[in-house]
Amino acid sequence: MSNPLLLSTKKLHFHQLERLMAARCDVVDYNAIRIDYQPFSIAEQPNYWVFSSQNAVRSFLANTTAKQHHKPILCVGEKTKSLLEENGQKVIKTAQNMQELVVFIQKNMKNEHFLHVCGNRKLPHFAEGMQAASILYDEVTAYHTHLVSRVQSPEPQGVLFYSPSGVESYLQDNQIGDSWCFCIGQTTAAAIRPLTTQMTVSPKPDTDLLVNTAAMHFRQ
């Protein structure tokens, strides 16, 4: 019996590949999206900054003018928080996803002014939440996400997804079919749910956990 084929829509580190191969899986990995950072400016007025991805942080850190400013930060994801704090930024709130962060702002910080540092393909959750609660906010585009299409044949037994953009990129030239989908978080899972019920969501938005989840699934 042949080994199950797993496809990762993001290049994996060697230890992650080892984990999957130890579970007797064959692995194909590639970057389904390409990120281009771009210059941007940050206004002084917002009281708080919001970062919803590590890519937004990396673009911010590469922006000499922007990172001279310091404001309290709210962010999505522990790795986003770590990247900010490792570079001298003060994170006052971390949430697992943007919906959770928006609810926190609506309940606790309704009279503040926020700046969302984001990408061009951002989901609407932040803007919709701020508008619904009449909270002041601005948004600035710090990077662009480009889809990298690729035909996958044969159909894999499992696919690892890390973002809604990665899902969209994969679906340009492929179908989910009978593949079992492993999603890094609920936002990514929401992009898959209309297409299949064969899905597992990582307990936390962490690549190592997602890889371990896939390895355990196929080891059984």
N, C-alpha and C. Protein backbone atom coordinates (compact mmCIF):
# COMPACT_ATOMS: atom_id res chain seq x y z
N MET A 1 0.85 -1.20 0.00
CA MET A 1 0.00 0.00 0.00
C MET A 1 0.89 1.25 0.00
N SER A 2 0.60 2.20 -0.91
CA SER A 2 1.44 3.39 -1.02
C SER A 2 1.18 4.35 0.13
N ASN A 3 2.16 5.20 0.39
CA ASN A 3 2.01 6.20 1.45
C ASN A 3 1.01 7.27 1.03
N PRO A 4 0.27 7.84 1.99
CA PRO A 4 -0.61 8.97 1.66
C PRO A 4 0.22 10.18 1.23
N LEU A 5 -0.29 10.92 0.24
CA LEU A 5 0.38 12.12 -0.26
C LEU A 5 -0.22 13.34 0.43
N LEU A 6 0.64 14.12 1.08
CA LEU A 6 0.22 15.38 1.70
C LEU A 6 0.80 16.54 0.91
N LEU A 7 -0.02 17.57 0.71
CA LEU A 7 0.44 18.79 0.05
C LEU A 7 0.32 19.95 1.02
N SER A 8 1.41 20.68 1.21
CA SER A 8 1.40 21.87 2.05
C SER A 8 1.45 23.10 1.15
N THR A 9 0.52 24.03 1.38
CA THR A 9 0.47 25.24 0.56
C THR A 9 1.42 26.32 1.11
N LYS A 10 2.37 25.89 1.90
CA LYS A 10 3.48 26.74 2.37
C LYS A 10 4.71 25.86 2.52
N LYS A 11 5.87 26.38 2.14
CA LYS A 11 7.11 25.62 2.30
C LYS A 11 7.33 25.32 3.78
N LEU A 12 7.70 24.08 4.06
CA LEU A 12 7.89 23.64 5.44
C LEU A 12 9.37 23.60 5.80
N HIS A 13 9.64 23.72 7.11
CA HIS A 13 10.99 23.55 7.61
C HIS A 13 11.33 22.06 7.64
N PHE A 14 12.63 21.77 7.73
CA PHE A 14 13.08 20.38 7.66
C PHE A 14 12.47 19.53 8.77
N HIS A 15 12.41 20.08 10.01
CA HIS A 15 11.85 19.28 11.10
C HIS A 15 10.37 18.99 10.91
N GLN A 16 9.67 19.88 10.20
CA GLN A 16 8.26 19.64 9.92
C GLN A 16 8.09 18.55 8.85
N LEU A 17 8.96 18.59 7.85
CA LEU A 17 8.95 17.53 6.84
C LEU A 17 9.28 16.18 7.47
N GLU A 18 10.25 16.19 8.37
CA GLU A 18 10.62 14.95 9.07
C GLU A 18 9.44 14.37 9.84
N ARG A 19 8.67 15.25 10.48
CA ARG A 19 7.53 14.80 11.28
C ARG A 19 6.51 14.08 10.39
N LEU A 20 6.25 14.61 9.22
CA LEU A 20 5.29 14.00 8.31
C LEU A 20 5.83 12.70 7.71
N MET A 21 7.10 12.70 7.38
CA MET A 21 7.69 11.49 6.81
C MET A 21 7.77 10.37 7.84
N ALA A 22 7.94 10.74 9.12
CA ALA A 22 7.94 9.74 10.19
C ALA A 22 6.57 9.08 10.33
N ALA A 23 5.52 9.80 9.89
CA ALA A 23 4.17 9.25 9.90
C ALA A 23 3.88 8.50 8.59
N ARG A 24 4.94 8.23 7.82
CA ARG A 24 4.85 7.48 6.56
C ARG A 24 3.99 8.21 5.53
N CYS A 25 4.20 9.54 5.44
CA CYS A 25 3.53 10.34 4.43
C CYS A 25 4.55 10.81 3.39
N ASP A 26 4.13 10.86 2.14
CA ASP A 26 4.91 11.55 1.11
C ASP A 26 4.45 13.00 1.11
N VAL A 27 5.37 13.93 0.90
CA VAL A 27 5.06 15.35 1.08
C VAL A 27 5.47 16.16 -0.15
N VAL A 28 4.58 17.04 -0.57
CA VAL A 28 4.88 18.07 -1.56
C VAL A 28 4.59 19.41 -0.90
N ASP A 29 5.52 20.35 -0.95
CA ASP A 29 5.26 21.66 -0.37
C ASP A 29 5.69 22.76 -1.33
N TYR A 30 4.92 23.82 -1.36
CA TYR A 30 5.24 24.99 -2.19
C TYR A 30 4.52 26.19 -1.59
N ASN A 31 4.93 27.39 -1.97
CA ASN A 31 4.29 28.61 -1.48
C ASN A 31 3.17 29.01 -2.43
N ALA A 32 1.94 28.88 -1.97
CA ALA A 32 0.78 29.17 -2.79
C ALA A 32 0.51 30.67 -2.93
N ILE A 33 1.17 31.46 -2.10
CA ILE A 33 1.05 32.91 -2.21
C ILE A 33 2.44 33.54 -2.16
N ARG A 34 2.56 34.71 -2.77
CA ARG A 34 3.80 35.49 -2.73
C ARG A 34 3.49 36.85 -2.10
N ILE A 35 4.35 37.28 -1.18
CA ILE A 35 4.15 38.54 -0.46
C ILE A 35 5.14 39.58 -0.95
N ASP A 36 4.63 40.75 -1.31
CA ASP A 36 5.46 41.90 -1.67
C ASP A 36 5.19 43.02 -0.67
N TYR A 37 6.21 43.41 0.09
CA TYR A 37 6.07 44.51 1.03
C TYR A 37 6.10 45.83 0.27
N GLN A 38 5.45 46.84 0.82
CA GLN A 38 5.41 48.13 0.14
C GLN A 38 5.54 49.26 1.14
N PRO A 39 6.06 50.41 0.69
CA PRO A 39 6.19 51.56 1.59
C PRO A 39 4.81 52.06 2.02
N PHE A 40 4.74 52.60 3.22
CA PHE A 40 3.50 53.20 3.71
C PHE A 40 3.84 54.15 4.83
N SER A 41 2.91 55.03 5.13
CA SER A 41 3.12 55.99 6.22
C SER A 41 2.05 55.76 7.29
N ILE A 42 2.39 56.08 8.52
CA ILE A 42 1.49 55.92 9.65
C ILE A 42 1.17 57.28 10.24
N ALA A 43 -0.13 57.56 10.36
CA ALA A 43 -0.56 58.84 10.93
C ALA A 43 -0.36 58.82 12.44
N GLU A 44 -0.18 60.00 13.01
CA GLU A 44 0.03 60.11 14.45
C GLU A 44 -1.26 59.93 15.24
N GLN A 45 -2.40 60.24 14.63
CA GLN A 45 -3.64 60.37 15.39
C GLN A 45 -4.15 59.10 16.06
N PRO A 46 -4.21 57.92 15.40
CA PRO A 46 -4.78 56.76 16.10
C PRO A 46 -4.06 56.46 17.41
N ASN A 47 -4.86 56.10 18.43
CA ASN A 47 -4.29 55.79 19.75
C ASN A 47 -3.68 54.40 19.82
N TYR A 48 -4.19 53.49 18.98
CA TYR A 48 -3.75 52.10 19.02
C TYR A 48 -3.55 51.57 17.60
N TRP A 49 -2.58 50.67 17.46
CA TRP A 49 -2.36 49.99 16.18
C TRP A 49 -2.87 48.56 16.29
N VAL A 50 -3.32 48.02 15.16
CA VAL A 50 -3.79 46.64 15.09
C VAL A 50 -3.02 45.92 13.97
N PHE A 51 -2.41 44.78 14.33
CA PHE A 51 -1.72 43.94 13.36
C PHE A 51 -2.40 42.58 13.33
N SER A 52 -2.80 42.14 12.14
CA SER A 52 -3.49 40.87 12.03
C SER A 52 -2.65 39.79 11.35
N SER A 53 -1.38 40.09 11.05
CA SER A 53 -0.52 39.07 10.43
C SER A 53 0.95 39.39 10.68
N GLN A 54 1.78 38.35 10.59
CA GLN A 54 3.22 38.54 10.69
C GLN A 54 3.75 39.33 9.50
N ASN A 55 3.13 39.18 8.34
CA ASN A 55 3.59 39.92 7.15
C ASN A 55 3.42 41.42 7.35
N ALA A 56 2.33 41.83 8.00
CA ALA A 56 2.14 43.25 8.28
C ALA A 56 3.23 43.76 9.22
N VAL A 57 3.60 42.94 10.20
CA VAL A 57 4.66 43.32 11.14
C VAL A 57 6.00 43.44 10.40
N ARG A 58 6.30 42.48 9.55
CA ARG A 58 7.59 42.50 8.83
C ARG A 58 7.69 43.73 7.93
N SER A 59 6.59 44.08 7.28
CA SER A 59 6.60 45.29 6.46
C SER A 59 6.79 46.53 7.32
N PHE A 60 6.12 46.56 8.46
CA PHE A 60 6.27 47.67 9.41
C PHE A 60 7.72 47.80 9.89
N LEU A 61 8.34 46.67 10.22
CA LEU A 61 9.71 46.69 10.74
C LEU A 61 10.72 47.11 9.66
N ALA A 62 10.38 46.87 8.41
CA ALA A 62 11.26 47.27 7.31
C ALA A 62 11.09 48.73 6.93
N ASN A 63 10.07 49.36 7.50
CA ASN A 63 9.73 50.74 7.18
C ASN A 63 10.37 51.66 8.22
N THR A 64 11.48 52.24 7.88
CA THR A 64 12.26 53.04 8.84
C THR A 64 11.44 54.17 9.45
N THR A 65 10.66 54.85 8.64
CA THR A 65 9.86 55.98 9.12
C THR A 65 8.75 55.51 10.05
N ALA A 66 8.06 54.44 9.65
CA ALA A 66 6.91 53.97 10.41
C ALA A 66 7.32 53.48 11.79
N LYS A 67 8.40 52.70 11.87
CA LYS A 67 8.74 52.09 13.15
C LYS A 67 9.36 53.07 14.15
N GLN A 68 9.56 54.33 13.74
CA GLN A 68 10.00 55.34 14.70
C GLN A 68 8.86 55.72 15.64
N HIS A 69 7.63 55.48 15.20
CA HIS A 69 6.46 55.76 16.04
C HIS A 69 6.22 54.58 16.97
N HIS A 70 5.67 54.87 18.14
CA HIS A 70 5.37 53.81 19.10
C HIS A 70 3.98 54.06 19.68
N LYS A 71 3.09 53.09 19.49
CA LYS A 71 1.76 53.13 20.08
C LYS A 71 1.45 51.74 20.64
N PRO A 72 0.57 51.65 21.63
CA PRO A 72 0.15 50.33 22.11
C PRO A 72 -0.49 49.54 20.97
N ILE A 73 -0.26 48.23 20.97
CA ILE A 73 -0.66 47.39 19.84
C ILE A 73 -1.60 46.28 20.30
N LEU A 74 -2.60 46.00 19.47
CA LEU A 74 -3.44 44.83 19.59
C LEU A 74 -3.16 43.97 18.36
N CYS A 75 -3.11 42.64 18.54
CA CYS A 75 -2.74 41.81 17.39
C CYS A 75 -3.46 40.47 17.41
N VAL A 76 -3.36 39.78 16.29
CA VAL A 76 -3.93 38.45 16.12
C VAL A 76 -2.79 37.44 16.03
N GLY A 77 -2.79 36.46 16.95
CA GLY A 77 -1.82 35.38 16.89
C GLY A 77 -0.62 35.56 17.79
N GLU A 78 -0.22 34.47 18.45
CA GLU A 78 0.92 34.52 19.37
C GLU A 78 2.23 34.80 18.63
N LYS A 79 2.38 34.29 17.42
CA LYS A 79 3.62 34.52 16.68
C LYS A 79 3.72 35.97 16.22
N THR A 80 2.59 36.57 15.89
CA THR A 80 2.58 38.00 15.57
C THR A 80 3.00 38.80 16.80
N LYS A 81 2.46 38.43 17.95
CA LYS A 81 2.83 39.09 19.20
C LYS A 81 4.33 38.96 19.47
N SER A 82 4.86 37.75 19.34
CA SER A 82 6.29 37.52 19.61
C SER A 82 7.17 38.36 18.70
N LEU A 83 6.81 38.42 17.42
CA LEU A 83 7.60 39.20 16.46
C LEU A 83 7.59 40.68 16.83
N LEU A 84 6.47 41.18 17.25
CA LEU A 84 6.38 42.58 17.68
C LEU A 84 7.22 42.84 18.92
N GLU A 85 7.06 41.99 19.94
CA GLU A 85 7.76 42.20 21.20
C GLU A 85 9.27 42.02 21.05
N GLU A 86 9.68 41.10 20.19
CA GLU A 86 11.12 40.92 19.95
C GLU A 86 11.75 42.17 19.33
N ASN A 87 10.92 43.01 18.75
CA ASN A 87 11.42 44.23 18.11
C ASN A 87 10.98 45.49 18.85
N GLY A 88 10.75 45.34 20.15
CA GLY A 88 10.56 46.50 21.01
C GLY A 88 9.19 47.13 21.00
N GLN A 89 8.17 46.45 20.47
CA GLN A 89 6.83 47.01 20.45
C GLN A 89 6.01 46.49 21.64
N LYS A 90 5.09 47.31 22.12
CA LYS A 90 4.28 46.97 23.28
C LYS A 90 2.93 46.42 22.85
N VAL A 91 2.70 45.12 23.11
CA VAL A 91 1.44 44.47 22.77
C VAL A 91 0.58 44.38 24.02
N ILE A 92 -0.61 44.95 23.97
CA ILE A 92 -1.48 44.97 25.15
C ILE A 92 -2.61 43.95 25.06
N LYS A 93 -2.86 43.40 23.86
CA LYS A 93 -3.93 42.41 23.71
C LYS A 93 -3.62 41.51 22.51
N THR A 94 -3.78 40.21 22.71
CA THR A 94 -3.61 39.24 21.63
C THR A 94 -4.86 38.37 21.56
N ALA A 95 -5.35 38.14 20.35
CA ALA A 95 -6.52 37.28 20.14
C ALA A 95 -6.17 36.19 19.14
N GLN A 96 -6.95 35.12 19.14
CA GLN A 96 -6.68 34.02 18.22
C GLN A 96 -7.12 34.35 16.81
N ASN A 97 -8.13 35.22 16.66
CA ASN A 97 -8.58 35.62 15.33
C ASN A 97 -9.16 37.03 15.39
N MET A 98 -9.43 37.59 14.21
CA MET A 98 -9.88 38.98 14.16
C MET A 98 -11.26 39.15 14.76
N GLN A 99 -12.14 38.17 14.59
CA GLN A 99 -13.48 38.30 15.18
C GLN A 99 -13.39 38.44 16.69
N GLU A 100 -12.54 37.66 17.32
CA GLU A 100 -12.36 37.73 18.78
C GLU A 100 -11.80 39.10 19.18
N LEU A 101 -10.85 39.61 18.41
CA LEU A 101 -10.25 40.91 18.72
C LEU A 101 -11.28 42.03 18.57
N VAL A 102 -12.10 41.95 17.55
CA VAL A 102 -13.12 42.98 17.33
C VAL A 102 -14.11 43.01 18.49
N VAL A 103 -14.53 41.85 18.97
CA VAL A 103 -15.46 41.80 20.11
C VAL A 103 -14.82 42.43 21.34
N PHE A 104 -13.53 42.16 21.56
CA PHE A 104 -12.84 42.77 22.71
C PHE A 104 -12.83 44.29 22.58
N ILE A 105 -12.53 44.81 21.39
CA ILE A 105 -12.50 46.26 21.19
C ILE A 105 -13.89 46.85 21.42
N GLN A 106 -14.91 46.20 20.88
CA GLN A 106 -16.27 46.72 21.03
C GLN A 106 -16.69 46.79 22.50
N LYS A 107 -16.25 45.83 23.32
CA LYS A 107 -16.64 45.79 24.72
C LYS A 107 -15.81 46.69 25.62
N ASN A 108 -14.53 46.88 25.26
CA ASN A 108 -13.61 47.51 26.21
C ASN A 108 -12.96 48.81 25.72
N MET A 109 -12.99 49.08 24.42
CA MET A 109 -12.22 50.22 23.90
C MET A 109 -13.02 51.02 22.87
N LYS A 110 -14.30 51.14 23.11
CA LYS A 110 -15.20 51.70 22.10
C LYS A 110 -14.91 53.16 21.78
N ASN A 111 -14.30 53.89 22.69
CA ASN A 111 -14.07 55.33 22.47
C ASN A 111 -12.68 55.66 21.95
N GLU A 112 -11.91 54.61 21.56
CA GLU A 112 -10.55 54.84 21.07
C GLU A 112 -10.53 54.92 19.54
N HIS A 113 -9.34 55.24 19.03
CA HIS A 113 -9.13 55.38 17.58
C HIS A 113 -8.03 54.39 17.18
N PHE A 114 -8.30 53.55 16.15
CA PHE A 114 -7.42 52.45 15.80
C PHE A 114 -6.89 52.59 14.38
N LEU A 115 -5.69 52.06 14.18
CA LEU A 115 -5.10 51.95 12.84
C LEU A 115 -4.80 50.48 12.58
N HIS A 116 -5.40 49.92 11.53
CA HIS A 116 -5.18 48.53 11.14
C HIS A 116 -4.11 48.48 10.06
N VAL A 117 -2.96 47.89 10.38
CA VAL A 117 -1.87 47.70 9.41
C VAL A 117 -2.08 46.33 8.79
N CYS A 118 -2.35 46.28 7.47
CA CYS A 118 -2.83 45.05 6.89
C CYS A 118 -2.35 44.88 5.45
N GLY A 119 -2.81 43.81 4.80
CA GLY A 119 -2.48 43.55 3.40
C GLY A 119 -3.63 43.94 2.49
N ASN A 120 -3.38 43.86 1.20
CA ASN A 120 -4.41 44.27 0.23
C ASN A 120 -5.58 43.29 0.16
N ARG A 121 -5.38 42.04 0.62
CA ARG A 121 -6.44 41.04 0.56
C ARG A 121 -7.05 40.79 1.94
N LYS A 122 -7.05 41.78 2.76
CA LYS A 122 -7.58 41.64 4.12
C LYS A 122 -9.05 41.24 4.08
N LEU A 123 -9.46 40.47 5.08
CA LEU A 123 -10.87 40.15 5.23
C LEU A 123 -11.61 41.35 5.85
N PRO A 124 -12.91 41.43 5.68
CA PRO A 124 -13.64 42.64 6.10
C PRO A 124 -13.99 42.70 7.57
N HIS A 125 -13.59 41.70 8.38
CA HIS A 125 -14.10 41.60 9.76
C HIS A 125 -13.78 42.84 10.60
N PHE A 126 -12.55 43.38 10.48
CA PHE A 126 -12.19 44.52 11.31
C PHE A 126 -13.02 45.74 10.94
N ALA A 127 -13.03 46.09 9.67
CA ALA A 127 -13.76 47.28 9.23
C ALA A 127 -15.25 47.17 9.55
N GLU A 128 -15.83 45.99 9.30
CA GLU A 128 -17.25 45.81 9.59
C GLU A 128 -17.54 45.95 11.09
N GLY A 129 -16.65 45.39 11.92
CA GLY A 129 -16.85 45.48 13.37
C GLY A 129 -16.74 46.90 13.88
N MET A 130 -15.77 47.66 13.34
CA MET A 130 -15.62 49.05 13.77
C MET A 130 -16.82 49.90 13.33
N GLN A 131 -17.26 49.68 12.11
CA GLN A 131 -18.40 50.44 11.60
C GLN A 131 -19.67 50.11 12.37
N ALA A 132 -19.86 48.83 12.70
CA ALA A 132 -21.07 48.42 13.41
C ALA A 132 -21.17 49.07 14.79
N ALA A 133 -20.02 49.32 15.41
CA ALA A 133 -19.99 49.90 16.76
C ALA A 133 -19.64 51.39 16.74
N SER A 134 -19.55 51.97 15.55
CA SER A 134 -19.22 53.41 15.39
C SER A 134 -17.90 53.76 16.08
N ILE A 135 -16.89 52.91 15.89
CA ILE A 135 -15.56 53.14 16.46
C ILE A 135 -14.66 53.73 15.39
N LEU A 136 -13.89 54.74 15.76
CA LEU A 136 -12.99 55.38 14.81
C LEU A 136 -11.86 54.42 14.41
N TYR A 137 -11.58 54.36 13.10
CA TYR A 137 -10.49 53.50 12.64
C TYR A 137 -9.98 53.98 11.29
N ASP A 138 -8.73 53.63 11.01
CA ASP A 138 -8.13 53.81 9.69
C ASP A 138 -7.45 52.49 9.31
N GLU A 139 -7.19 52.32 8.04
CA GLU A 139 -6.47 51.14 7.57
C GLU A 139 -5.36 51.57 6.60
N VAL A 140 -4.22 50.90 6.68
CA VAL A 140 -3.11 51.20 5.78
C VAL A 140 -2.60 49.87 5.22
N THR A 141 -2.37 49.82 3.90
CA THR A 141 -1.91 48.61 3.24
C THR A 141 -0.39 48.56 3.27
N ALA A 142 0.13 47.53 3.97
CA ALA A 142 1.58 47.39 4.16
C ALA A 142 2.21 46.35 3.24
N TYR A 143 1.38 45.51 2.62
CA TYR A 143 1.93 44.49 1.72
C TYR A 143 0.84 44.01 0.76
N HIS A 144 1.28 43.42 -0.35
CA HIS A 144 0.36 42.85 -1.32
C HIS A 144 0.56 41.33 -1.37
N THR A 145 -0.55 40.61 -1.44
CA THR A 145 -0.52 39.16 -1.57
C THR A 145 -0.87 38.76 -3.00
N HIS A 146 -0.01 37.95 -3.62
CA HIS A 146 -0.24 37.48 -4.98
C HIS A 146 -0.44 35.97 -4.95
N LEU A 147 -1.43 35.48 -5.67
CA LEU A 147 -1.70 34.05 -5.73
C LEU A 147 -0.74 33.38 -6.70
N VAL A 148 -0.21 32.23 -6.30
CA VAL A 148 0.71 31.46 -7.15
C VAL A 148 0.00 30.16 -7.51
N SER A 149 -0.50 30.07 -8.73
CA SER A 149 -1.28 28.90 -9.14
C SER A 149 -0.35 27.74 -9.49
N ARG A 150 -0.84 26.51 -9.27
CA ARG A 150 -0.05 25.31 -9.51
C ARG A 150 -1.00 24.12 -9.62
N VAL A 151 -0.87 23.34 -10.68
CA VAL A 151 -1.69 22.15 -10.83
C VAL A 151 -1.08 21.01 -10.02
N GLN A 152 -1.91 20.36 -9.19
CA GLN A 152 -1.44 19.24 -8.39
C GLN A 152 -2.03 17.93 -8.92
N SER A 153 -1.16 17.06 -9.37
CA SER A 153 -1.58 15.73 -9.83
C SER A 153 -0.52 14.72 -9.39
N PRO A 154 -0.92 13.61 -8.75
CA PRO A 154 -2.29 13.20 -8.47
C PRO A 154 -2.92 13.97 -7.32
N GLU A 155 -4.21 13.76 -7.13
CA GLU A 155 -4.90 14.41 -6.02
C GLU A 155 -4.32 13.93 -4.71
N PRO A 156 -3.95 14.85 -3.80
CA PRO A 156 -3.38 14.44 -2.51
C PRO A 156 -4.45 13.91 -1.56
N GLN A 157 -4.01 13.06 -0.64
CA GLN A 157 -4.93 12.59 0.40
C GLN A 157 -5.18 13.67 1.45
N GLY A 158 -4.24 14.59 1.60
CA GLY A 158 -4.39 15.68 2.56
C GLY A 158 -3.78 16.96 2.05
N VAL A 159 -4.38 18.11 2.41
CA VAL A 159 -3.84 19.43 2.03
C VAL A 159 -3.79 20.30 3.27
N LEU A 160 -2.65 20.95 3.49
CA LEU A 160 -2.48 21.86 4.62
C LEU A 160 -2.66 23.28 4.12
N PHE A 161 -3.58 24.00 4.76
CA PHE A 161 -3.88 25.39 4.38
C PHE A 161 -3.56 26.33 5.54
N TYR A 162 -3.06 27.52 5.20
CA TYR A 162 -2.58 28.47 6.21
C TYR A 162 -3.28 29.82 6.14
N SER A 163 -4.11 30.05 5.13
CA SER A 163 -4.81 31.33 4.99
C SER A 163 -5.91 31.19 3.95
N PRO A 164 -6.92 32.04 4.02
CA PRO A 164 -7.94 32.03 2.96
C PRO A 164 -7.34 32.29 1.58
N SER A 165 -6.29 33.12 1.50
CA SER A 165 -5.64 33.37 0.22
C SER A 165 -4.98 32.10 -0.32
N GLY A 166 -4.41 31.29 0.57
CA GLY A 166 -3.82 30.03 0.17
C GLY A 166 -4.87 29.07 -0.38
N VAL A 167 -6.05 29.07 0.26
CA VAL A 167 -7.17 28.26 -0.24
C VAL A 167 -7.56 28.72 -1.64
N GLU A 168 -7.73 30.02 -1.80
CA GLU A 168 -8.12 30.57 -3.10
C GLU A 168 -7.08 30.23 -4.17
N SER A 169 -5.81 30.33 -3.81
CA SER A 169 -4.74 30.03 -4.76
C SER A 169 -4.80 28.57 -5.21
N TYR A 170 -4.94 27.66 -4.25
CA TYR A 170 -5.00 26.23 -4.57
C TYR A 170 -6.17 25.91 -5.49
N LEU A 171 -7.31 26.55 -5.23
CA LEU A 171 -8.53 26.27 -5.98
C LEU A 171 -8.52 26.86 -7.38
N GLN A 172 -7.53 27.70 -7.71
CA GLN A 172 -7.46 28.22 -9.07
C GLN A 172 -7.29 27.09 -10.09
N ASP A 173 -6.51 26.07 -9.75
CA ASP A 173 -6.22 25.00 -10.70
C ASP A 173 -6.52 23.61 -10.16
N ASN A 174 -7.14 23.53 -8.97
CA ASN A 174 -7.40 22.23 -8.34
C ASN A 174 -8.77 22.24 -7.67
N GLN A 175 -9.24 21.06 -7.36
CA GLN A 175 -10.46 20.91 -6.56
C GLN A 175 -10.11 20.20 -5.26
N ILE A 176 -10.95 20.38 -4.24
CA ILE A 176 -10.71 19.69 -2.98
C ILE A 176 -10.92 18.18 -3.15
N GLY A 177 -11.94 17.79 -3.90
CA GLY A 177 -12.17 16.37 -4.16
C GLY A 177 -12.32 15.59 -2.87
N ASP A 178 -11.56 14.50 -2.75
CA ASP A 178 -11.61 13.66 -1.56
C ASP A 178 -10.49 13.97 -0.57
N SER A 179 -9.75 15.03 -0.83
CA SER A 179 -8.63 15.39 0.07
C SER A 179 -9.16 15.79 1.44
N TRP A 180 -8.43 15.37 2.48
CA TRP A 180 -8.73 15.84 3.84
C TRP A 180 -7.99 17.16 4.05
N CYS A 181 -8.70 18.19 4.51
CA CYS A 181 -8.12 19.53 4.63
C CYS A 181 -7.72 19.80 6.09
N PHE A 182 -6.53 20.31 6.25
CA PHE A 182 -6.01 20.71 7.56
C PHE A 182 -5.83 22.22 7.55
N CYS A 183 -6.57 22.91 8.42
CA CYS A 183 -6.61 24.38 8.40
C CYS A 183 -5.98 24.94 9.66
N ILE A 184 -5.20 26.01 9.51
CA ILE A 184 -4.44 26.55 10.64
C ILE A 184 -5.31 27.32 11.62
N GLY A 185 -6.51 27.71 11.21
CA GLY A 185 -7.40 28.44 12.10
C GLY A 185 -8.81 28.50 11.54
N GLN A 186 -9.71 29.07 12.32
CA GLN A 186 -11.12 29.10 11.93
C GLN A 186 -11.37 29.98 10.71
N THR A 187 -10.59 31.04 10.54
CA THR A 187 -10.78 31.91 9.38
C THR A 187 -10.46 31.16 8.09
N THR A 188 -9.37 30.39 8.11
CA THR A 188 -9.02 29.56 6.96
C THR A 188 -10.06 28.47 6.76
N ALA A 189 -10.51 27.87 7.85
CA ALA A 189 -11.52 26.81 7.76
C ALA A 189 -12.80 27.31 7.13
N ALA A 190 -13.16 28.57 7.39
CA ALA A 190 -14.39 29.13 6.83
C ALA A 190 -14.35 29.17 5.31
N ALA A 191 -13.14 29.27 4.74
CA ALA A 191 -13.00 29.28 3.28
C ALA A 191 -13.16 27.89 2.69
N ILE A 192 -13.01 26.86 3.51
CA ILE A 192 -13.09 25.47 3.07
C ILE A 192 -14.47 24.86 3.30
N ARG A 193 -15.17 25.30 4.32
CA ARG A 193 -16.41 24.64 4.75
C ARG A 193 -17.48 24.51 3.65
N PRO A 194 -17.61 25.49 2.74
CA PRO A 194 -18.61 25.29 1.68
C PRO A 194 -18.28 24.15 0.71
N LEU A 195 -17.05 23.65 0.77
CA LEU A 195 -16.58 22.69 -0.22
C LEU A 195 -16.48 21.26 0.29
N THR A 196 -16.32 21.06 1.59
CA THR A 196 -16.10 19.72 2.13
C THR A 196 -16.37 19.68 3.62
N THR A 197 -16.71 18.51 4.11
CA THR A 197 -16.82 18.28 5.55
C THR A 197 -15.59 17.56 6.08
N GLN A 198 -14.69 17.17 5.18
CA GLN A 198 -13.48 16.44 5.58
C GLN A 198 -12.40 17.45 5.96
N MET A 199 -12.41 17.83 7.22
CA MET A 199 -11.57 18.94 7.65
C MET A 199 -11.18 18.79 9.11
N THR A 200 -9.95 19.21 9.43
CA THR A 200 -9.49 19.32 10.81
C THR A 200 -8.88 20.70 10.98
N VAL A 201 -9.21 21.37 12.08
CA VAL A 201 -8.68 22.69 12.37
C VAL A 201 -7.66 22.58 13.49
N SER A 202 -6.50 23.18 13.32
CA SER A 202 -5.46 23.16 14.33
C SER A 202 -5.98 23.77 15.63
N PRO A 203 -5.63 23.20 16.80
CA PRO A 203 -6.10 23.77 18.07
C PRO A 203 -5.60 25.18 18.32
N LYS A 204 -4.46 25.54 17.72
CA LYS A 204 -3.95 26.91 17.76
C LYS A 204 -3.39 27.24 16.39
N PRO A 205 -3.36 28.53 16.02
CA PRO A 205 -2.82 28.91 14.71
C PRO A 205 -1.29 28.82 14.68
N ASP A 206 -0.78 27.60 14.60
CA ASP A 206 0.65 27.36 14.67
C ASP A 206 1.01 26.27 13.66
N THR A 207 2.03 26.51 12.83
CA THR A 207 2.37 25.57 11.77
C THR A 207 2.81 24.22 12.33
N ASP A 208 3.61 24.22 13.40
CA ASP A 208 4.05 22.96 13.99
C ASP A 208 2.85 22.14 14.46
N LEU A 209 1.88 22.78 15.08
CA LEU A 209 0.68 22.07 15.54
C LEU A 209 -0.12 21.52 14.37
N LEU A 210 -0.21 22.30 13.31
CA LEU A 210 -0.95 21.86 12.13
C LEU A 210 -0.28 20.63 11.51
N VAL A 211 1.04 20.67 11.41
CA VAL A 211 1.80 19.53 10.87
C VAL A 211 1.60 18.30 11.76
N ASN A 212 1.66 18.48 13.07
CA ASN A 212 1.46 17.36 13.99
C ASN A 212 0.05 16.78 13.87
N THR A 213 -0.93 17.67 13.67
CA THR A 213 -2.31 17.21 13.50
C THR A 213 -2.44 16.34 12.25
N ALA A 214 -1.81 16.76 11.16
CA ALA A 214 -1.86 15.97 9.93
C ALA A 214 -1.12 14.64 10.10
N ALA A 215 0.02 14.67 10.78
CA ALA A 215 0.79 13.45 11.00
C ALA A 215 -0.01 12.43 11.82
N MET A 216 -0.68 12.91 12.87
CA MET A 216 -1.47 12.01 13.71
C MET A 216 -2.68 11.46 12.96
N HIS A 217 -3.25 12.26 12.09
CA HIS A 217 -4.41 11.83 11.32
C HIS A 217 -4.05 10.64 10.44
N PHE A 218 -2.91 10.69 9.77
CA PHE A 218 -2.54 9.64 8.83
C PHE A 218 -1.77 8.51 9.49
N ARG A 219 -1.33 8.71 10.73
CA ARG A 219 -0.66 7.63 11.43
C ARG A 219 -1.68 6.60 11.93
N GLN A 220 -2.91 7.02 12.15
CA GLN A 220 -3.94 6.14 12.73
C GLN A 220 -4.29 4.99 11.77
